[in-house]
Amino acid sequence: MITKSYVCGFAFSEGGKFVYLIEKNRPAWQVGCLNGIGGGVDEGEEPIQAIVREFEEEAGVPTQQSDWILLETHDSCIDDVRVIVNFYAIRLMNSVHPVPRTMTKEIVMRFEWTDMTLNDWKANKVVDNIPYLVAKGHCYLFTPEIERMKKQNLQDNRAK
């Protein structure tokens, strides 16, 4: 069985008001749809390395691995192909990160996510799981209790 690995990242403005998405022109089933910014994981590359590389290639923003949080991993089989997608989120800090911009044929766009209803998401042709993942990313990045838990988990992991 062939395995293909991908990464998909959701970038939020520092205050959490905006999310940056990309209008896809491939693969065929995503043409014209909005999705997170990302792409394929190269051979020998870890997913976290891929999201850092892909985000700079597609949005012109250099980041560090430690800037990203893993939201979840989807692992499925389509015909005889195993597809693994790691979804990440990042809070862009104005003092560190430039504003994302279009770097490829796929257009990077900014959305005021808090004002978007499910009908708005559908009108903007987003990939089906994107509203859920954007909300999850926002929650992970901007909820103070989760921030404290995340820091505690990081400290616990470093102590091991």
N, C-alpha and C. Protein backbone atom coordinates (compact mmCIF):
# COMPACT_ATOMS: atom_id res chain seq x y z
N MET A 1 0.84 -1.18 0.00
CA MET A 1 0.00 0.00 0.00
C MET A 1 0.89 1.25 0.00
N ILE A 2 0.55 2.19 -0.82
CA ILE A 2 1.25 3.48 -0.90
C ILE A 2 0.73 4.38 0.22
N THR A 3 1.65 5.14 0.85
CA THR A 3 1.26 6.12 1.86
C THR A 3 1.63 7.51 1.37
N LYS A 4 0.67 8.43 1.45
CA LYS A 4 0.90 9.84 1.11
C LYS A 4 0.61 10.66 2.36
N SER A 5 1.54 11.55 2.70
CA SER A 5 1.38 12.39 3.89
C SER A 5 1.29 13.86 3.50
N TYR A 6 0.40 14.57 4.18
CA TYR A 6 0.17 15.98 3.91
C TYR A 6 0.09 16.74 5.22
N VAL A 7 0.26 18.07 5.12
CA VAL A 7 0.06 18.96 6.25
C VAL A 7 -0.87 20.09 5.81
N CYS A 8 -1.60 20.62 6.79
CA CYS A 8 -2.54 21.70 6.53
C CYS A 8 -2.53 22.61 7.75
N GLY A 9 -2.24 23.90 7.54
CA GLY A 9 -2.11 24.82 8.66
C GLY A 9 -3.08 25.98 8.59
N PHE A 10 -3.55 26.37 9.77
CA PHE A 10 -4.46 27.50 9.91
C PHE A 10 -3.74 28.59 10.69
N ALA A 11 -3.54 29.74 10.04
CA ALA A 11 -2.81 30.85 10.65
C ALA A 11 -3.81 31.90 11.11
N PHE A 12 -3.67 32.30 12.38
CA PHE A 12 -4.53 33.32 12.96
C PHE A 12 -3.73 34.59 13.22
N SER A 13 -4.39 35.73 13.04
CA SER A 13 -3.76 37.00 13.39
C SER A 13 -3.51 37.01 14.90
N GLU A 14 -2.63 37.88 15.33
CA GLU A 14 -2.21 37.91 16.74
C GLU A 14 -3.39 37.97 17.71
N GLY A 15 -4.37 38.78 17.41
CA GLY A 15 -5.53 38.91 18.30
C GLY A 15 -6.60 37.86 18.07
N GLY A 16 -6.45 37.04 17.05
CA GLY A 16 -7.40 35.96 16.79
C GLY A 16 -8.60 36.36 15.96
N LYS A 17 -8.64 37.60 15.46
CA LYS A 17 -9.81 38.05 14.71
C LYS A 17 -9.85 37.47 13.30
N PHE A 18 -8.66 37.24 12.72
CA PHE A 18 -8.60 36.81 11.33
C PHE A 18 -7.93 35.44 11.20
N VAL A 19 -8.35 34.70 10.19
CA VAL A 19 -7.71 33.44 9.82
C VAL A 19 -7.33 33.54 8.35
N TYR A 20 -6.17 32.99 8.01
CA TYR A 20 -5.69 32.99 6.63
C TYR A 20 -5.91 31.62 6.02
N LEU A 21 -6.55 31.62 4.85
CA LEU A 21 -6.82 30.39 4.11
C LEU A 21 -6.30 30.57 2.70
N ILE A 22 -6.26 29.48 1.96
CA ILE A 22 -5.75 29.52 0.59
C ILE A 22 -6.82 28.96 -0.35
N GLU A 23 -6.96 29.58 -1.52
CA GLU A 23 -7.89 29.08 -2.53
C GLU A 23 -7.14 28.05 -3.37
N LYS A 24 -7.61 26.82 -3.32
CA LYS A 24 -6.91 25.70 -3.95
C LYS A 24 -7.14 25.66 -5.46
N ASN A 25 -6.07 25.27 -6.19
CA ASN A 25 -6.24 25.00 -7.62
C ASN A 25 -5.89 23.55 -7.95
N ARG A 26 -5.57 22.77 -6.91
CA ARG A 26 -5.37 21.33 -7.02
C ARG A 26 -5.43 20.75 -5.61
N PRO A 27 -5.73 19.49 -5.45
CA PRO A 27 -6.18 18.51 -6.44
C PRO A 27 -7.56 18.87 -6.99
N ALA A 28 -7.98 18.12 -7.98
CA ALA A 28 -9.21 18.44 -8.71
C ALA A 28 -10.42 18.63 -7.80
N TRP A 29 -10.56 17.78 -6.77
CA TRP A 29 -11.75 17.87 -5.92
C TRP A 29 -11.75 19.11 -5.02
N GLN A 30 -10.61 19.83 -4.92
CA GLN A 30 -10.53 21.04 -4.10
C GLN A 30 -10.46 22.33 -4.93
N VAL A 31 -10.45 22.24 -6.24
CA VAL A 31 -10.30 23.43 -7.08
C VAL A 31 -11.38 24.45 -6.74
N GLY A 32 -10.94 25.68 -6.45
CA GLY A 32 -11.87 26.76 -6.13
C GLY A 32 -12.32 26.79 -4.68
N CYS A 33 -11.91 25.80 -3.90
CA CYS A 33 -12.31 25.74 -2.49
C CYS A 33 -11.24 26.38 -1.61
N LEU A 34 -11.67 26.85 -0.45
CA LEU A 34 -10.74 27.37 0.55
C LEU A 34 -10.29 26.24 1.45
N ASN A 35 -9.03 26.27 1.83
CA ASN A 35 -8.47 25.25 2.71
C ASN A 35 -7.36 25.92 3.52
N GLY A 36 -6.84 25.20 4.47
CA GLY A 36 -5.67 25.68 5.18
C GLY A 36 -4.47 25.69 4.24
N ILE A 37 -3.40 26.30 4.69
CA ILE A 37 -2.19 26.42 3.88
C ILE A 37 -1.30 25.21 4.17
N GLY A 38 -0.84 24.54 3.12
CA GLY A 38 -0.01 23.37 3.34
C GLY A 38 0.27 22.63 2.06
N GLY A 39 0.60 21.35 2.21
CA GLY A 39 0.92 20.54 1.05
C GLY A 39 1.50 19.21 1.46
N GLY A 40 2.27 18.62 0.58
CA GLY A 40 2.82 17.29 0.80
C GLY A 40 4.04 17.29 1.71
N VAL A 41 4.19 16.18 2.43
CA VAL A 41 5.36 15.95 3.26
C VAL A 41 6.39 15.26 2.38
N ASP A 42 7.56 15.85 2.24
CA ASP A 42 8.62 15.27 1.41
C ASP A 42 9.23 14.04 2.07
N GLU A 43 9.82 13.17 1.26
CA GLU A 43 10.48 11.97 1.78
C GLU A 43 11.57 12.37 2.77
N GLY A 44 11.56 11.71 3.93
CA GLY A 44 12.55 11.98 4.97
C GLY A 44 12.22 13.18 5.84
N GLU A 45 11.11 13.82 5.58
CA GLU A 45 10.71 15.03 6.30
C GLU A 45 9.64 14.67 7.33
N GLU A 46 9.70 15.27 8.49
CA GLU A 46 8.66 15.11 9.51
C GLU A 46 7.53 16.09 9.19
N PRO A 47 6.29 15.76 9.57
CA PRO A 47 5.17 16.68 9.29
C PRO A 47 5.39 18.10 9.83
N ILE A 48 5.96 18.24 11.01
CA ILE A 48 6.18 19.59 11.56
C ILE A 48 7.18 20.37 10.71
N GLN A 49 8.17 19.68 10.15
CA GLN A 49 9.11 20.34 9.23
C GLN A 49 8.39 20.75 7.95
N ALA A 50 7.46 19.91 7.51
CA ALA A 50 6.72 20.20 6.27
C ALA A 50 5.83 21.43 6.42
N ILE A 51 5.16 21.59 7.57
CA ILE A 51 4.28 22.76 7.71
C ILE A 51 5.10 24.03 7.76
N VAL A 52 6.26 24.00 8.37
CA VAL A 52 7.14 25.17 8.39
C VAL A 52 7.56 25.52 6.96
N ARG A 53 7.99 24.52 6.21
CA ARG A 53 8.44 24.74 4.82
C ARG A 53 7.28 25.20 3.94
N GLU A 54 6.16 24.49 3.99
CA GLU A 54 5.02 24.81 3.14
C GLU A 54 4.47 26.20 3.43
N PHE A 55 4.41 26.59 4.69
CA PHE A 55 3.86 27.89 5.05
C PHE A 55 4.74 29.02 4.50
N GLU A 56 6.04 28.81 4.54
CA GLU A 56 6.92 29.84 3.97
C GLU A 56 6.82 29.85 2.44
N GLU A 57 6.75 28.67 1.82
CA GLU A 57 6.64 28.61 0.36
C GLU A 57 5.35 29.22 -0.15
N GLU A 58 4.23 28.94 0.52
CA GLU A 58 2.93 29.35 0.01
C GLU A 58 2.45 30.70 0.53
N ALA A 59 2.91 31.10 1.74
CA ALA A 59 2.41 32.35 2.34
C ALA A 59 3.52 33.35 2.63
N GLY A 60 4.78 32.98 2.35
CA GLY A 60 5.89 33.90 2.53
C GLY A 60 6.22 34.23 3.97
N VAL A 61 5.82 33.36 4.90
CA VAL A 61 6.05 33.63 6.31
C VAL A 61 6.98 32.57 6.90
N PRO A 62 8.20 32.97 7.28
CA PRO A 62 9.08 32.02 7.97
C PRO A 62 8.58 31.81 9.40
N THR A 63 8.54 30.56 9.82
CA THR A 63 8.11 30.22 11.18
C THR A 63 9.08 29.20 11.76
N GLN A 64 8.90 28.91 13.01
CA GLN A 64 9.68 27.88 13.70
C GLN A 64 8.74 26.72 14.03
N GLN A 65 9.30 25.53 14.20
CA GLN A 65 8.48 24.38 14.57
C GLN A 65 7.72 24.64 15.86
N SER A 66 8.36 25.33 16.80
CA SER A 66 7.73 25.59 18.10
C SER A 66 6.57 26.59 18.02
N ASP A 67 6.41 27.28 16.88
CA ASP A 67 5.28 28.20 16.70
C ASP A 67 3.96 27.47 16.48
N TRP A 68 4.03 26.24 16.02
CA TRP A 68 2.86 25.49 15.58
C TRP A 68 2.35 24.55 16.66
N ILE A 69 1.03 24.35 16.69
CA ILE A 69 0.46 23.30 17.53
C ILE A 69 -0.27 22.31 16.63
N LEU A 70 -0.15 21.04 16.95
CA LEU A 70 -0.84 19.99 16.21
C LEU A 70 -2.28 19.93 16.70
N LEU A 71 -3.23 20.10 15.80
CA LEU A 71 -4.65 20.01 16.16
C LEU A 71 -5.12 18.56 16.16
N GLU A 72 -4.84 17.87 15.08
CA GLU A 72 -5.21 16.46 14.98
C GLU A 72 -4.62 15.86 13.72
N THR A 73 -4.65 14.54 13.66
CA THR A 73 -4.15 13.80 12.51
C THR A 73 -5.28 12.94 11.96
N HIS A 74 -5.50 13.03 10.67
CA HIS A 74 -6.49 12.17 10.00
C HIS A 74 -5.72 11.10 9.23
N ASP A 75 -6.10 9.86 9.41
CA ASP A 75 -5.44 8.72 8.77
C ASP A 75 -6.53 7.89 8.11
N SER A 76 -6.53 7.83 6.78
CA SER A 76 -7.59 7.10 6.08
C SER A 76 -7.03 6.38 4.87
N CYS A 77 -7.83 5.49 4.31
CA CYS A 77 -7.46 4.77 3.09
C CYS A 77 -8.45 5.13 2.00
N ILE A 78 -7.90 5.47 0.86
CA ILE A 78 -8.70 5.76 -0.32
C ILE A 78 -8.19 4.84 -1.41
N ASP A 79 -9.02 3.88 -1.80
CA ASP A 79 -8.62 2.81 -2.70
C ASP A 79 -7.42 2.09 -2.06
N ASP A 80 -6.28 2.05 -2.72
CA ASP A 80 -5.10 1.39 -2.16
C ASP A 80 -4.06 2.38 -1.66
N VAL A 81 -4.51 3.58 -1.31
CA VAL A 81 -3.59 4.62 -0.84
C VAL A 81 -3.95 5.02 0.59
N ARG A 82 -2.96 4.95 1.46
CA ARG A 82 -3.13 5.44 2.83
C ARG A 82 -2.80 6.93 2.81
N VAL A 83 -3.74 7.77 3.29
CA VAL A 83 -3.57 9.22 3.30
C VAL A 83 -3.54 9.69 4.75
N ILE A 84 -2.43 10.36 5.11
CA ILE A 84 -2.27 10.90 6.46
C ILE A 84 -2.18 12.42 6.34
N VAL A 85 -3.05 13.13 7.06
CA VAL A 85 -3.03 14.59 7.05
C VAL A 85 -2.89 15.09 8.49
N ASN A 86 -1.83 15.87 8.74
CA ASN A 86 -1.63 16.50 10.04
C ASN A 86 -2.09 17.94 9.94
N PHE A 87 -3.01 18.33 10.83
CA PHE A 87 -3.56 19.68 10.84
C PHE A 87 -2.92 20.48 11.98
N TYR A 88 -2.46 21.68 11.66
CA TYR A 88 -1.76 22.54 12.62
C TYR A 88 -2.42 23.90 12.69
N ALA A 89 -2.11 24.64 13.76
CA ALA A 89 -2.53 26.03 13.90
C ALA A 89 -1.37 26.85 14.44
N ILE A 90 -1.39 28.13 14.10
CA ILE A 90 -0.34 29.06 14.53
C ILE A 90 -0.97 30.42 14.83
N ARG A 91 -0.45 31.07 15.86
CA ARG A 91 -0.81 32.46 16.15
C ARG A 91 0.34 33.31 15.61
N LEU A 92 0.05 34.12 14.60
CA LEU A 92 1.07 34.98 14.01
C LEU A 92 1.27 36.20 14.90
N MET A 93 2.49 36.43 15.31
CA MET A 93 2.81 37.55 16.18
C MET A 93 3.33 38.71 15.32
N ASN A 94 2.69 39.86 15.42
CA ASN A 94 3.05 41.01 14.58
C ASN A 94 4.52 41.38 14.67
N SER A 95 5.11 41.20 15.84
CA SER A 95 6.51 41.59 16.03
C SER A 95 7.49 40.58 15.43
N VAL A 96 7.00 39.40 15.07
CA VAL A 96 7.87 38.33 14.59
C VAL A 96 7.57 37.93 13.14
N HIS A 97 6.30 37.79 12.81
CA HIS A 97 5.89 37.24 11.52
C HIS A 97 5.35 38.32 10.59
N PRO A 98 5.77 38.31 9.33
CA PRO A 98 5.15 39.21 8.35
C PRO A 98 3.72 38.74 8.03
N VAL A 99 2.95 39.60 7.41
CA VAL A 99 1.58 39.25 7.02
C VAL A 99 1.65 38.22 5.89
N PRO A 100 0.87 37.12 5.98
CA PRO A 100 0.87 36.13 4.89
C PRO A 100 0.44 36.78 3.57
N ARG A 101 1.06 36.31 2.49
CA ARG A 101 0.75 36.84 1.17
C ARG A 101 0.84 35.70 0.14
N THR A 102 0.26 35.90 -0.98
CA THR A 102 0.27 34.91 -2.05
C THR A 102 1.67 34.76 -2.63
N MET A 103 2.17 33.54 -2.64
CA MET A 103 3.51 33.26 -3.18
C MET A 103 3.47 32.28 -4.36
N THR A 104 2.32 31.65 -4.57
CA THR A 104 2.19 30.64 -5.63
C THR A 104 0.94 30.98 -6.45
N LYS A 105 0.51 30.07 -7.29
CA LYS A 105 -0.71 30.27 -8.07
C LYS A 105 -1.97 30.16 -7.21
N GLU A 106 -1.81 29.63 -5.99
CA GLU A 106 -2.95 29.53 -5.07
C GLU A 106 -2.97 30.80 -4.21
N ILE A 107 -4.13 31.44 -4.14
CA ILE A 107 -4.26 32.76 -3.52
C ILE A 107 -4.51 32.65 -2.01
N VAL A 108 -3.68 33.35 -1.23
CA VAL A 108 -3.85 33.42 0.23
C VAL A 108 -4.84 34.55 0.53
N MET A 109 -5.85 34.25 1.36
CA MET A 109 -6.87 35.24 1.70
C MET A 109 -7.08 35.30 3.21
N ARG A 110 -7.47 36.49 3.68
CA ARG A 110 -7.74 36.71 5.10
C ARG A 110 -9.25 36.79 5.32
N PHE A 111 -9.74 36.08 6.35
CA PHE A 111 -11.16 36.09 6.67
C PHE A 111 -11.35 36.44 8.14
N GLU A 112 -12.39 37.23 8.41
CA GLU A 112 -12.76 37.53 9.78
C GLU A 112 -13.62 36.36 10.25
N TRP A 113 -12.98 35.37 10.80
CA TRP A 113 -13.63 34.08 11.04
C TRP A 113 -14.76 34.16 12.04
N THR A 114 -14.70 35.03 13.03
CA THR A 114 -15.73 35.08 14.07
C THR A 114 -17.09 35.50 13.53
N ASP A 115 -17.10 36.20 12.41
CA ASP A 115 -18.35 36.66 11.83
C ASP A 115 -18.93 35.69 10.80
N MET A 116 -18.22 34.61 10.52
CA MET A 116 -18.67 33.70 9.48
C MET A 116 -19.62 32.65 10.05
N THR A 117 -20.81 32.57 9.48
CA THR A 117 -21.77 31.54 9.85
C THR A 117 -21.52 30.33 8.96
N LEU A 118 -22.20 29.24 9.25
CA LEU A 118 -22.06 28.05 8.42
C LEU A 118 -22.43 28.36 6.97
N ASN A 119 -23.47 29.19 6.76
CA ASN A 119 -23.85 29.56 5.39
C ASN A 119 -22.75 30.36 4.71
N ASP A 120 -22.05 31.23 5.46
CA ASP A 120 -20.92 31.96 4.88
C ASP A 120 -19.83 31.00 4.44
N TRP A 121 -19.54 30.01 5.31
CA TRP A 121 -18.51 29.03 4.96
C TRP A 121 -18.90 28.32 3.67
N LYS A 122 -20.17 27.91 3.57
CA LYS A 122 -20.61 27.19 2.36
C LYS A 122 -20.55 28.09 1.13
N ALA A 123 -20.91 29.37 1.28
CA ALA A 123 -20.87 30.32 0.16
C ALA A 123 -19.44 30.53 -0.32
N ASN A 124 -18.48 30.41 0.59
CA ASN A 124 -17.08 30.58 0.22
C ASN A 124 -16.43 29.30 -0.27
N LYS A 125 -17.22 28.23 -0.42
CA LYS A 125 -16.71 26.95 -0.92
C LYS A 125 -15.49 26.47 -0.15
N VAL A 126 -15.68 26.12 1.09
CA VAL A 126 -14.57 25.59 1.88
C VAL A 126 -14.64 24.07 1.88
N VAL A 127 -13.49 23.43 2.04
CA VAL A 127 -13.44 21.99 2.22
C VAL A 127 -14.22 21.68 3.50
N ASP A 128 -15.01 20.61 3.49
CA ASP A 128 -16.01 20.33 4.52
C ASP A 128 -15.54 20.43 5.97
N ASN A 129 -14.36 19.94 6.29
CA ASN A 129 -13.93 19.91 7.69
C ASN A 129 -13.26 21.21 8.17
N ILE A 130 -13.13 22.18 7.30
CA ILE A 130 -12.41 23.41 7.64
C ILE A 130 -13.09 24.23 8.75
N PRO A 131 -14.39 24.47 8.72
CA PRO A 131 -14.98 25.26 9.82
C PRO A 131 -14.70 24.65 11.20
N TYR A 132 -14.81 23.34 11.32
CA TYR A 132 -14.52 22.66 12.58
C TYR A 132 -13.06 22.84 12.98
N LEU A 133 -12.15 22.63 12.04
CA LEU A 133 -10.72 22.72 12.36
C LEU A 133 -10.30 24.15 12.68
N VAL A 134 -10.86 25.14 12.00
CA VAL A 134 -10.56 26.54 12.30
C VAL A 134 -11.05 26.88 13.71
N ALA A 135 -12.25 26.45 14.05
CA ALA A 135 -12.78 26.71 15.40
C ALA A 135 -11.92 26.03 16.46
N LYS A 136 -11.49 24.81 16.19
CA LYS A 136 -10.64 24.09 17.13
C LYS A 136 -9.30 24.81 17.29
N GLY A 137 -8.71 25.24 16.18
CA GLY A 137 -7.45 25.96 16.24
C GLY A 137 -7.58 27.25 17.03
N HIS A 138 -8.66 27.98 16.80
CA HIS A 138 -8.88 29.23 17.53
C HIS A 138 -9.02 28.96 19.02
N CYS A 139 -9.76 27.94 19.36
CA CYS A 139 -9.95 27.57 20.76
C CYS A 139 -8.62 27.21 21.41
N TYR A 140 -7.82 26.40 20.75
CA TYR A 140 -6.52 25.99 21.30
C TYR A 140 -5.58 27.19 21.49
N LEU A 141 -5.63 28.12 20.56
CA LEU A 141 -4.68 29.23 20.59
C LEU A 141 -5.11 30.39 21.49
N PHE A 142 -6.41 30.57 21.66
CA PHE A 142 -6.87 31.80 22.31
C PHE A 142 -7.67 31.60 23.58
N THR A 143 -7.81 30.39 24.05
CA THR A 143 -8.49 30.15 25.33
C THR A 143 -7.43 30.10 26.42
N PRO A 144 -7.47 31.02 27.39
CA PRO A 144 -6.42 31.08 28.42
C PRO A 144 -6.19 29.78 29.16
N GLU A 145 -7.22 29.06 29.51
CA GLU A 145 -7.04 27.81 30.26
C GLU A 145 -6.27 26.79 29.41
N ILE A 146 -6.60 26.73 28.14
CA ILE A 146 -5.91 25.80 27.25
C ILE A 146 -4.46 26.24 27.09
N GLU A 147 -4.21 27.54 27.04
CA GLU A 147 -2.83 28.04 26.97
C GLU A 147 -2.03 27.55 28.18
N ARG A 148 -2.62 27.65 29.37
CA ARG A 148 -1.93 27.20 30.57
C ARG A 148 -1.67 25.70 30.53
N MET A 149 -2.67 24.93 30.09
CA MET A 149 -2.51 23.47 29.99
C MET A 149 -1.43 23.12 28.98
N LYS A 150 -1.41 23.84 27.86
CA LYS A 150 -0.42 23.58 26.82
C LYS A 150 0.99 23.83 27.36
N LYS A 151 1.18 24.93 28.08
CA LYS A 151 2.48 25.24 28.67
C LYS A 151 2.88 24.18 29.69
N GLN A 152 1.91 23.73 30.51
CA GLN A 152 2.20 22.70 31.51
C GLN A 152 2.61 21.40 30.84
N ASN A 153 1.88 21.01 29.77
CA ASN A 153 2.23 19.79 29.03
C ASN A 153 3.62 19.90 28.44
N LEU A 154 3.98 21.06 27.91
CA LEU A 154 5.30 21.27 27.33
C LEU A 154 6.37 21.12 28.42
N GLN A 155 6.13 21.71 29.59
CA GLN A 155 7.08 21.59 30.70
C GLN A 155 7.20 20.14 31.15
N ASP A 156 6.05 19.44 31.24
CA ASP A 156 6.07 18.03 31.65
C ASP A 156 6.85 17.19 30.64
N ASN A 157 6.66 17.46 29.35
CA ASN A 157 7.35 16.70 28.31
C ASN A 157 8.86 16.96 28.35
N ARG A 158 9.25 18.19 28.64
CA ARG A 158 10.68 18.51 28.73
C ARG A 158 11.33 17.86 29.94
N ALA A 159 10.53 17.66 30.99
CA ALA A 159 11.07 17.06 32.23
C ALA A 159 11.30 15.57 32.06
N LYS A 160 10.64 14.95 31.09
CA LYS A 160 10.75 13.49 30.90
C LYS A 160 12.07 13.08 30.33
